[in-house]
């Protein structure tokens, strides 16, 4: 059926519809239709395997009863189709009766449609889109595999859809992080800002190789947990989980930061946490109040880092992406978070990634922090991941690949210090990889900006990315100024 061209065909159809404006709306339009198609295919399996399965979707609104075109001239189209979707389908799904006893695999239908819209205004074009998506056979393993690739392409396209770009982390990065924390089928794995589910799907791909029997399959189905605040990535994530044969996706649509961190029970803690939290943004004072005063900041990355410390089980493992601002930040909040991290956990490895890993959509330099809750930190290894040979920068046409982490994997299993070549006799000695003892870190006032890039090439950024980078730097500098002013004020009060 030429499934590889489906995105192009859908894009070409939607270009002629006046209601769809931009990539983000186009993808949202595709995915809510896709979700209903995938959900209907999943319901067919539930009906076979469960004796008394009843759909939460009213019978006339199920995909099989309105979307399928039997080529008999009776399929809804044009104004009849638009009227059905806008005045019947959407209002009903948004108001489905859901309570605490509703199985999650049913409740997700309401949660997904609460904040989703139908943008298309041309019912004939909408029928064409529905027919294209209905032509995919999700019971065919080959087509399902092919569509996974197409789905991944759609997630990448979000990067060029304005602010939606924050939802996607390059798959080689998520694969590497999951590989290093080594989840097992006995672990509960979480991502508290899961976006479209990249870390969770990398986890599922890693766990799939461990399945040997039906008991393992049950563990697999119950292995992951995610939270996503925004409606479009939440929809993408749930659909992503269904693609990966998770029958009852444990994905919640809410803000992870709205509960007091001191109120989490042991049952709400996790063995493995892998994530790339949003950074550069700020949360309201009411949200900040959910954190201890000494760990309370406005930056989202700081709050997520603290959240992890409260939701990690003993002996649990974490891999998290954080910007340089967290490493070198010396304001009270960042310093206190780093103190707590090093006291409560074993921060054993920090991988410094090139600034262009997320290019061309952002050039903010990021790092992967690996730690576990086994003991307090005694030493930290730093490793700088340089650009591979032949690459000046990663880009849309030359993105980061799985094999680019091979040098890190090799070093990881045979750790040793690596010195940079000195430019001349007078230059300071620097390192590509080095171990620092905890006392050295304390003497640096918890500055973790070590084994960084000795030479910075000038990169001309897009205006939005330049603004984002300056906003991050300004937030860190403002916090440092506030800290100094606070110390000066205290000194003046003592006089």
Protein backbone atom coordinates (compact mmCIF):
# COMPACT_ATOMS: atom_id res chain seq x y z
CA UNK A 1 0.00 0.00 0.00
CA UNK A 2 3.02 2.29 -0.06
CA UNK A 3 2.82 3.02 3.66
CA UNK A 4 6.10 4.91 3.51
CA UNK A 5 4.37 7.72 1.63
CA UNK A 6 1.41 8.09 3.97
CA UNK A 7 2.69 11.23 5.72
CA UNK A 8 3.27 12.93 2.39
CA UNK A 9 -0.23 12.05 1.22
CA UNK A 10 -1.81 13.29 4.44
CA UNK A 11 0.21 16.49 4.31
CA UNK A 12 -0.78 17.11 0.69
CA UNK A 13 -4.48 16.65 1.52
CA UNK A 14 -4.37 18.96 4.53
CA UNK A 15 -2.60 21.74 2.68
CA UNK A 16 -5.88 22.34 0.84
CA UNK A 17 -7.91 22.73 4.05
CA UNK A 18 -8.31 26.30 5.34
CA UNK A 19 -8.74 25.16 8.94
CA UNK A 20 -5.31 23.60 9.43
CA UNK A 21 -2.65 26.16 10.23
CA UNK A 22 0.92 24.91 10.66
CA UNK A 23 2.65 21.65 11.54
CA UNK A 24 1.44 21.44 15.14
CA UNK A 25 -2.23 21.55 14.12
CA UNK A 26 -1.64 19.16 11.23
CA UNK A 27 -0.02 16.61 13.51
CA UNK A 28 -2.71 17.00 16.19
CA UNK A 29 -5.35 16.42 13.48
CA UNK A 30 -3.60 13.28 12.23
CA UNK A 31 -3.02 11.85 15.68
CA UNK A 32 -6.55 12.09 17.10
CA UNK A 33 -7.82 10.27 14.02
CA UNK A 34 -4.95 7.80 14.28
CA UNK A 35 -5.69 7.24 17.98
CA UNK A 36 -9.30 6.25 17.30
CA UNK A 37 -8.15 3.83 14.59
CA UNK A 38 -5.50 2.27 16.85
CA UNK A 39 -7.87 2.15 19.82
CA UNK A 40 -10.50 0.34 17.74
CA UNK A 41 -7.91 -2.25 16.68
CA UNK A 42 -6.93 -2.67 20.35
CA UNK A 43 -10.58 -3.10 21.33
CA UNK A 44 -10.90 -5.96 18.86
CA UNK A 45 -8.19 -7.78 20.83
CA UNK A 46 -9.84 -6.99 24.17
CA UNK A 47 -13.15 -8.33 22.86
CA UNK A 48 -11.42 -11.59 21.91
CA UNK A 49 -9.56 -11.98 25.19
CA UNK A 50 -12.16 -10.72 27.66
CA UNK A 51 -15.52 -12.46 28.04
CA UNK A 52 -17.47 -9.38 29.04
CA UNK A 53 -15.70 -6.44 27.41
CA UNK A 54 -17.80 -3.30 26.85
CA UNK A 55 -16.41 -0.24 25.10
CA UNK A 56 -16.59 3.10 26.88
CA UNK A 57 -17.30 4.65 23.46
CA UNK A 58 -21.00 4.55 22.46
CA UNK A 59 -21.55 2.00 19.71
CA UNK A 60 -22.40 4.47 16.94
CA UNK A 61 -19.25 6.47 17.72
CA UNK A 62 -16.81 3.57 17.50
CA UNK A 63 -14.40 3.80 14.55
CA UNK A 64 -15.75 0.67 12.88
CA UNK A 65 -19.26 2.15 12.75
CA UNK A 66 -18.63 5.60 11.26
CA UNK A 67 -15.09 5.93 9.90
CA UNK A 68 -14.77 2.81 7.77
CA UNK A 69 -15.70 3.43 4.14
CA UNK A 70 -17.19 0.25 2.66
CA UNK A 71 -17.34 1.88 -0.78
CA UNK A 72 -21.13 1.51 -0.86
CA UNK A 73 -21.82 5.25 -0.96
CA UNK A 74 -23.04 5.29 2.66
CA UNK A 75 -19.86 6.60 4.36
CA UNK A 76 -20.19 9.97 6.05
CA UNK A 77 -18.53 12.77 4.10
CA UNK A 78 -18.70 16.52 3.39
CA UNK A 79 -20.98 18.50 5.74
CA UNK A 80 -22.55 15.35 7.22
CA UNK A 81 -19.11 14.17 8.38
CA UNK A 82 -18.17 17.57 9.82
CA UNK A 83 -21.50 17.84 11.63
CA UNK A 84 -21.07 14.33 13.09
CA UNK A 85 -17.52 14.98 14.32
CA UNK A 86 -18.03 18.52 15.64
CA UNK A 87 -21.48 18.12 17.17
CA UNK A 88 -21.61 14.48 18.20
CA UNK A 89 -18.27 12.67 18.32
CA UNK A 90 -16.17 15.31 20.09
CA UNK A 91 -18.82 16.53 22.59
CA UNK A 92 -19.62 12.94 23.61
CA UNK A 93 -16.00 11.79 24.03
CA UNK A 94 -15.14 14.92 26.03
CA UNK A 95 -17.99 14.16 28.47
CA UNK A 96 -17.63 10.39 28.90
CA UNK A 97 -18.58 9.20 32.38
CA UNK A 98 -15.26 8.45 34.08
CA UNK A 99 -14.57 7.91 37.79
CA UNK A 100 -11.89 6.38 40.02
CA UNK A 101 -13.19 2.87 39.23
CA UNK A 102 -12.96 3.28 35.45
CA UNK A 103 -10.09 1.17 34.01
CA UNK A 104 -7.35 3.42 32.67
CA UNK A 105 -7.50 1.82 29.25
CA UNK A 106 -11.05 3.18 28.99
CA UNK A 107 -10.59 6.47 30.85
CA UNK A 108 -7.79 7.58 28.52
CA UNK A 109 -10.34 8.19 25.77
CA UNK A 110 -11.92 11.05 27.74
CA UNK A 111 -8.59 12.39 28.98
CA UNK A 112 -7.24 12.53 25.44
CA UNK A 113 -10.20 14.36 23.93
CA UNK A 114 -10.59 16.90 26.73
CA UNK A 115 -8.13 19.33 25.11
CA UNK A 116 -8.04 18.11 21.49
CA UNK A 117 -9.64 19.91 18.55
CA UNK A 118 -10.82 19.12 15.05
CA UNK A 119 -9.24 21.79 12.85
CA UNK A 120 -10.38 20.64 9.41
CA UNK A 121 -13.23 22.60 7.80
CA UNK A 122 -13.59 20.68 4.55
CA UNK A 123 -15.54 17.45 5.09
CA UNK A 124 -14.49 15.95 1.77
CA UNK A 125 -10.79 16.40 2.56
CA UNK A 126 -11.41 15.08 6.08
CA UNK A 127 -12.95 11.92 4.60
CA UNK A 128 -9.80 11.48 2.47
CA UNK A 129 -7.59 11.75 5.56
CA UNK A 130 -9.74 9.22 7.45
CA UNK A 131 -9.62 6.80 4.53
CA UNK A 132 -5.82 7.06 4.31
CA UNK A 133 -5.43 6.23 8.00
CA UNK A 134 -8.07 3.48 7.88
CA UNK A 135 -6.13 1.76 5.09
CA UNK A 136 -3.36 0.85 7.56
CA UNK A 137 -3.71 -2.72 8.84
CA UNK A 138 -2.48 -2.75 12.45
CA UNK A 139 -2.94 -6.52 12.65
CA UNK A 140 -0.21 -6.89 10.01
CA UNK A 141 3.10 -7.00 11.88
CA UNK A 142 5.06 -5.65 8.91
CA UNK A 143 2.75 -2.67 8.42
CA UNK A 144 2.72 -1.99 12.15
CA UNK A 145 6.51 -1.97 12.19
CA UNK A 146 6.61 0.35 9.19
CA UNK A 147 4.12 2.68 10.79
CA UNK A 148 6.23 2.84 13.96
CA UNK A 149 8.92 4.38 11.76
CA UNK A 150 6.42 6.85 10.32
CA UNK A 151 5.17 7.70 13.79
CA UNK A 152 8.74 8.40 14.87
CA UNK A 153 9.07 10.73 11.88
CA UNK A 154 5.97 12.61 13.04
CA UNK A 155 7.50 13.08 16.48
CA UNK A 156 10.64 14.51 14.90
CA UNK A 157 8.51 16.89 12.86
CA UNK A 158 7.21 18.37 16.10
CA UNK A 159 10.64 19.91 16.54
CA UNK A 160 9.88 22.34 13.74
CA UNK A 161 6.38 23.07 15.01
CA UNK A 162 7.24 26.04 17.22
CA UNK A 163 7.13 25.40 20.95
CA UNK A 164 6.08 21.81 20.34
CA UNK A 165 9.76 21.02 19.76
CA UNK A 166 10.27 20.58 23.49
CA UNK A 167 8.44 17.27 23.31
CA UNK A 168 11.09 15.30 21.43
CA UNK A 169 14.47 13.96 22.58
CA UNK A 170 16.61 12.29 19.87
CA UNK A 171 16.11 8.54 20.05
CA UNK A 172 19.85 7.71 20.18
CA UNK A 173 20.01 9.78 23.39
CA UNK A 174 17.04 8.03 25.04
CA UNK A 175 18.36 4.62 23.93
CA UNK A 176 21.79 5.28 25.42
CA UNK A 177 20.40 6.53 28.74
CA UNK A 178 18.06 3.54 29.11
CA UNK A 179 20.88 1.14 28.20
CA UNK A 180 23.10 2.59 30.94
CA UNK A 181 20.49 2.33 33.74
CA UNK A 182 19.66 -1.26 32.68
CA UNK A 183 15.96 -1.59 33.59
CA UNK A 184 14.59 -5.09 34.20
CA UNK A 185 11.07 -6.50 34.05
CA UNK A 186 10.97 -6.34 37.85
CA UNK A 187 11.53 -2.56 37.80
CA UNK A 188 8.94 0.21 37.71
CA UNK A 189 10.20 2.88 35.29
CA UNK A 190 8.95 6.48 35.32
CA UNK A 191 9.21 9.73 33.38
CA UNK A 192 7.49 12.67 35.09
CA UNK A 193 7.56 14.90 31.99
CA UNK A 194 7.20 12.18 29.37
CA UNK A 195 6.24 14.26 26.34
CA UNK A 196 5.53 11.92 23.44
CA UNK A 197 6.98 8.95 25.35
CA UNK A 198 10.48 8.68 23.90
CA UNK A 199 12.14 7.45 27.10
CA UNK A 200 9.27 5.07 27.77
CA UNK A 201 9.41 3.54 24.29
CA UNK A 202 13.19 3.14 24.55
CA UNK A 203 12.56 1.38 27.87
CA UNK A 204 9.95 -0.89 26.32
CA UNK A 205 12.28 -1.76 23.43
CA UNK A 206 14.97 -2.63 25.98
CA UNK A 207 12.57 -4.73 28.10
CA UNK A 208 11.02 -6.52 25.12
CA UNK A 209 14.21 -8.55 24.69
CA UNK A 210 13.77 -9.89 28.26
CA UNK A 211 10.29 -11.38 27.72
CA UNK A 212 10.27 -15.18 27.86
CA UNK A 213 6.73 -16.15 28.94
CA UNK A 214 3.25 -14.79 29.74
CA UNK A 215 4.30 -13.79 33.24
CA UNK A 216 7.04 -11.63 31.74
CA UNK A 217 4.50 -10.15 29.30
CA UNK A 218 2.33 -9.07 32.24
CA UNK A 219 5.34 -7.42 33.87
CA UNK A 220 6.12 -5.67 30.59
CA UNK A 221 2.56 -4.28 30.37
CA UNK A 222 2.89 -2.87 33.89
CA UNK A 223 6.49 -1.65 33.67
CA UNK A 224 6.19 2.03 32.73
CA UNK A 225 4.55 5.17 34.14
CA UNK A 226 4.42 8.63 32.65
CA UNK A 227 2.98 12.07 33.33
CA UNK A 228 2.50 14.75 30.70
CA UNK A 229 1.07 18.21 31.24
CA UNK A 230 0.22 19.23 27.66
CA UNK A 231 -2.57 17.72 25.60
CA UNK A 232 -0.86 17.10 22.24
CA UNK A 233 2.19 15.24 23.56
CA UNK A 234 -0.09 13.33 25.94
CA UNK A 235 -2.17 12.15 22.97
CA UNK A 236 1.00 11.23 21.07
CA UNK A 237 2.39 9.36 24.08
CA UNK A 238 -0.71 7.25 24.73
CA UNK A 239 -0.93 6.34 21.04
CA UNK A 240 2.79 5.52 21.14
CA UNK A 241 2.19 3.13 24.07
CA UNK A 242 -0.62 1.38 22.19
CA UNK A 243 1.75 0.93 19.25
CA UNK A 244 4.14 -0.80 21.65
CA UNK A 245 1.45 -3.28 22.78
CA UNK A 246 0.85 -1.66 26.16
CA UNK A 247 -2.81 -2.56 26.62
CA UNK A 248 -3.46 -0.26 29.57
CA UNK A 249 -1.09 2.74 29.26
CA UNK A 250 -0.30 4.14 32.70
CA UNK A 251 0.09 7.71 31.42
CA UNK A 252 -1.50 10.60 33.32
CA UNK A 253 -2.47 13.99 31.90
CA UNK A 254 -1.46 16.46 34.62
CA UNK A 255 1.36 18.57 36.06
CA UNK A 256 3.86 16.45 38.02
CA UNK A 257 4.75 19.38 40.25
CA UNK A 258 1.34 20.11 41.79
CA UNK A 259 1.63 17.67 44.71
CA UNK A 260 3.68 18.34 47.84
CA UNK A 261 6.84 16.24 47.45
CA UNK A 262 6.80 15.30 51.14
CA UNK A 263 3.44 13.56 50.72
CA UNK A 264 4.61 10.79 48.37
CA UNK A 265 4.19 7.28 49.75
CA UNK A 266 6.53 4.37 49.10
CA UNK A 267 4.08 3.06 46.49
CA UNK A 268 4.54 6.29 44.54
CA UNK A 269 8.30 5.85 44.21
CA UNK A 270 10.13 4.19 41.32
CA UNK A 271 13.08 1.87 40.68
CA UNK A 272 14.21 3.69 37.53
CA UNK A 273 13.63 7.29 36.42
CA UNK A 274 14.69 8.46 32.94
CA UNK A 275 13.75 11.88 31.67
CA UNK A 276 14.54 15.17 29.99
CA UNK A 277 12.58 17.72 32.04
CA UNK A 278 11.54 21.06 30.55
CA UNK A 279 14.00 23.83 31.39
CA UNK A 280 14.16 27.54 30.91
CA UNK A 281 10.56 27.92 32.08
CA UNK A 282 9.16 28.95 35.45
CA UNK A 283 6.39 27.69 37.72
CA UNK A 284 3.86 29.66 39.78
CA UNK A 285 4.42 30.38 43.47
CA UNK A 286 1.59 27.98 44.31
CA UNK A 287 3.50 25.17 42.59
CA UNK A 288 6.81 26.14 44.20
CA UNK A 289 5.11 25.86 47.60
CA UNK A 290 5.04 22.07 47.12
CA UNK A 291 8.80 21.98 47.72
CA UNK A 292 10.91 22.56 50.87
CA UNK A 293 11.91 26.22 51.20
CA UNK A 294 15.64 25.55 50.74
CA UNK A 295 14.95 23.62 47.50
CA UNK A 296 12.31 25.98 46.20
CA UNK A 297 13.10 27.75 42.93
CA UNK A 298 11.13 28.92 39.94
CA UNK A 299 13.07 27.04 37.24
CA UNK A 300 11.30 23.88 36.13
CA UNK A 301 14.50 21.85 35.78
CA UNK A 302 15.39 22.54 39.43
CA UNK A 303 11.92 21.52 40.61
CA UNK A 304 11.97 18.29 38.59
CA UNK A 305 15.40 17.44 39.97
CA UNK A 306 14.04 17.82 43.50
CA UNK A 307 10.92 15.82 42.62
CA UNK A 308 13.13 12.93 41.49
CA UNK A 309 14.98 12.91 44.82
CA UNK A 310 11.65 12.40 46.60
CA UNK A 311 10.25 9.80 44.19
CA UNK A 312 13.27 7.50 43.79
CA UNK A 313 13.25 4.18 45.65
CA UNK A 314 16.21 2.99 47.68
CA UNK A 315 18.68 1.36 45.27
CA UNK A 316 16.89 3.08 42.38
CA UNK A 317 18.70 4.45 39.30
CA UNK A 318 18.30 7.71 37.42
CA UNK A 319 19.41 9.16 34.09
CA UNK A 320 18.38 12.78 33.53
CA UNK A 321 19.25 15.47 30.97
CA UNK A 322 20.00 18.90 32.45
CA UNK A 323 21.36 22.13 30.94
CA UNK A 324 24.78 23.59 31.80
CA UNK A 325 23.03 26.14 34.03
CA UNK A 326 22.34 23.45 36.60
CA UNK A 327 25.98 22.35 36.66
CA UNK A 328 27.58 25.76 37.15
CA UNK A 329 24.70 27.48 38.99
CA UNK A 330 25.73 28.67 42.46
CA UNK A 331 22.49 30.33 43.58
CA UNK A 332 21.12 29.01 46.87
CA UNK A 333 18.48 26.76 45.32
CA UNK A 334 20.80 25.00 42.85
CA UNK A 335 23.54 24.64 45.46
CA UNK A 336 21.11 23.14 47.98
CA UNK A 337 19.70 20.73 45.40
CA UNK A 338 23.21 19.59 44.48
CA UNK A 339 24.12 19.18 48.15
CA UNK A 340 21.02 17.02 48.73
CA UNK A 341 21.73 15.03 45.55
CA UNK A 342 25.30 14.25 46.62
CA UNK A 343 24.27 13.50 50.21
CA UNK A 344 21.25 11.30 49.45
CA UNK A 345 22.45 9.64 46.23
CA UNK A 346 25.53 8.42 44.42
CA UNK A 347 26.06 10.78 41.48
CA UNK A 348 28.63 8.60 39.76
CA UNK A 349 28.74 9.91 36.16
CA UNK A 350 28.13 13.10 34.19
CA UNK A 351 28.29 12.96 30.39
CA UNK A 352 28.85 16.38 28.76
CA UNK A 353 27.05 16.39 25.41
CA UNK A 354 27.82 18.66 22.42
CA UNK A 355 25.66 21.76 22.11
CA UNK A 356 24.25 20.63 18.77
CA UNK A 357 22.71 17.32 19.97
CA UNK A 358 19.25 18.89 19.68
CA UNK A 359 20.15 20.96 16.59
CA UNK A 360 18.83 22.61 14.58
CA UNK A 361 16.01 23.24 17.03
CA UNK A 362 18.04 24.36 20.04
CA UNK A 363 21.75 24.80 20.76
CA UNK A 364 21.53 24.94 24.55
CA UNK A 365 24.29 22.69 25.89
CA UNK A 366 23.02 19.72 27.89
CA UNK A 367 24.41 16.95 30.07
CA UNK A 368 23.32 13.50 31.22
CA UNK A 369 23.54 12.90 34.96
CA UNK A 370 23.56 9.28 36.15
CA UNK A 371 22.99 8.52 39.81
CA UNK A 372 21.55 5.88 42.10
CA UNK A 373 20.17 5.78 45.63
CA UNK A 374 22.63 3.28 47.05
CA UNK A 375 24.98 5.51 49.07
CA UNK A 376 26.16 9.09 49.31
CA UNK A 377 28.48 10.36 46.58
CA UNK A 378 32.21 9.82 47.14
CA UNK A 379 33.46 10.55 43.61
CA UNK A 380 32.09 11.70 40.25
CA UNK A 381 33.35 10.75 36.81
CA UNK A 382 33.04 13.34 34.05
CA UNK A 383 33.26 12.48 30.36
CA UNK A 384 33.09 14.94 27.48
CA UNK A 385 31.41 13.53 24.39
CA UNK A 386 33.14 15.28 21.49
CA UNK A 387 31.78 15.59 17.98
CA UNK A 388 32.42 12.48 15.86
CA UNK A 389 35.03 12.66 13.13
CA UNK A 390 33.76 14.42 10.04
CA UNK A 391 31.10 16.40 11.93
CA UNK A 392 31.37 20.08 12.71
CA UNK A 393 27.90 20.11 14.28
CA UNK A 394 24.89 17.83 14.36
CA UNK A 395 22.05 19.09 12.18
CA UNK A 396 18.71 18.10 10.74
CA UNK A 397 20.45 16.40 7.81
CA UNK A 398 23.27 14.99 9.98
CA UNK A 399 21.57 14.08 13.27
CA UNK A 400 23.11 12.24 16.19
CA UNK A 401 23.07 8.44 15.74
CA UNK A 402 23.22 5.45 18.08
CA UNK A 403 26.80 4.67 17.04
CA UNK A 404 27.95 8.13 18.13
CA UNK A 405 27.63 6.91 21.72
CA UNK A 406 29.97 3.95 21.11
CA UNK A 407 32.96 5.93 22.37
CA UNK A 408 31.07 6.67 25.59
CA UNK A 409 30.08 3.02 25.99
CA UNK A 410 33.68 1.91 25.55
CA UNK A 411 34.91 4.42 28.13
CA UNK A 412 32.03 3.60 30.51
CA UNK A 413 33.15 0.01 30.90
CA UNK A 414 36.86 0.88 31.17
CA UNK A 415 37.05 4.21 32.96
CA UNK A 416 40.24 6.17 32.89
CA UNK A 417 41.28 9.81 32.87
CA UNK A 418 41.86 11.33 29.43
CA UNK A 419 43.88 14.53 29.08
CA UNK A 420 43.29 17.07 26.33
CA UNK A 421 46.22 17.91 24.11
CA UNK A 422 47.84 21.16 25.27
CA UNK A 423 47.89 23.97 22.74
CA UNK A 424 51.18 25.28 24.13
CA UNK A 425 53.34 25.02 27.24
CA UNK A 426 51.59 27.92 28.96
CA UNK A 427 48.02 26.66 28.52
CA UNK A 428 46.18 25.14 31.47
CA UNK A 429 45.91 21.37 31.57
CA UNK A 430 42.37 20.21 30.77
CA UNK A 431 40.62 16.86 30.64
CA UNK A 432 38.18 15.06 28.40
CA UNK A 433 37.51 12.55 31.19
CA UNK A 434 38.40 12.80 34.85
CA UNK A 435 37.34 11.60 38.30
CA UNK A 436 36.75 14.19 41.02
CA UNK A 437 36.49 13.32 44.70
CA UNK A 438 33.61 14.73 46.74
CA UNK A 439 35.92 17.04 48.72
CA UNK A 440 37.12 18.59 45.46
CA UNK A 441 33.50 19.21 44.45
CA UNK A 442 32.74 20.84 47.81
CA UNK A 443 35.81 23.07 47.50
CA UNK A 444 34.44 24.23 44.13
CA UNK A 445 31.20 25.25 45.90
CA UNK A 446 29.38 22.41 44.11
CA UNK A 447 30.25 23.70 40.65
CA UNK A 448 29.92 20.66 38.39
CA UNK A 449 31.00 22.45 35.21
CA UNK A 450 34.04 20.19 34.71
CA UNK A 451 35.59 18.51 31.66
CA UNK A 452 33.74 20.96 29.45
CA UNK A 453 34.57 22.11 25.96
CA UNK A 454 37.90 23.99 25.84
CA UNK A 455 37.16 25.76 22.55
CA UNK A 456 33.80 27.19 21.70
CA UNK A 457 32.98 27.68 18.07
CA UNK A 458 30.65 30.55 17.29
CA UNK A 459 27.28 29.22 16.24
CA UNK A 460 24.73 31.56 14.70
CA UNK A 461 21.38 30.66 16.21
CA UNK A 462 17.83 31.28 15.13
CA UNK A 463 16.36 34.30 16.99
CA UNK A 464 14.05 32.14 19.15
CA UNK A 465 16.91 29.88 20.22
CA UNK A 466 19.20 32.84 20.88
CA UNK A 467 16.51 34.33 23.12
CA UNK A 468 16.03 31.01 24.94
CA UNK A 469 19.77 30.69 25.54
CA UNK A 470 20.04 34.24 26.87
CA UNK A 471 16.98 33.71 29.08
CA UNK A 472 18.62 30.67 30.65
CA UNK A 473 21.84 32.59 31.28
CA UNK A 474 19.93 35.58 32.64
CA UNK A 475 17.94 33.40 35.05
CA UNK A 476 21.14 31.90 36.42
CA UNK A 477 22.85 35.31 36.73
CA UNK A 478 19.78 36.84 38.39
CA UNK A 479 19.74 34.02 40.94
CA UNK A 480 23.44 34.60 41.67
CA UNK A 481 22.86 38.36 42.10
CA UNK A 482 19.96 37.65 44.48
CA UNK A 483 22.20 35.36 46.51
CA UNK A 484 24.94 37.99 46.81
CA UNK A 485 22.44 40.73 47.72
CA UNK A 486 20.97 38.48 50.38
CA UNK A 487 24.42 37.89 51.90
CA UNK A 488 25.23 41.62 51.83
CA UNK A 489 21.89 42.43 53.48
CA UNK A 490 22.60 39.97 56.26
CA UNK A 491 26.03 41.52 56.83
CA UNK A 492 24.49 45.00 57.03
CA UNK A 493 21.89 43.78 59.53
CA UNK A 494 24.64 42.36 61.75
CA UNK A 495 26.48 45.69 61.94
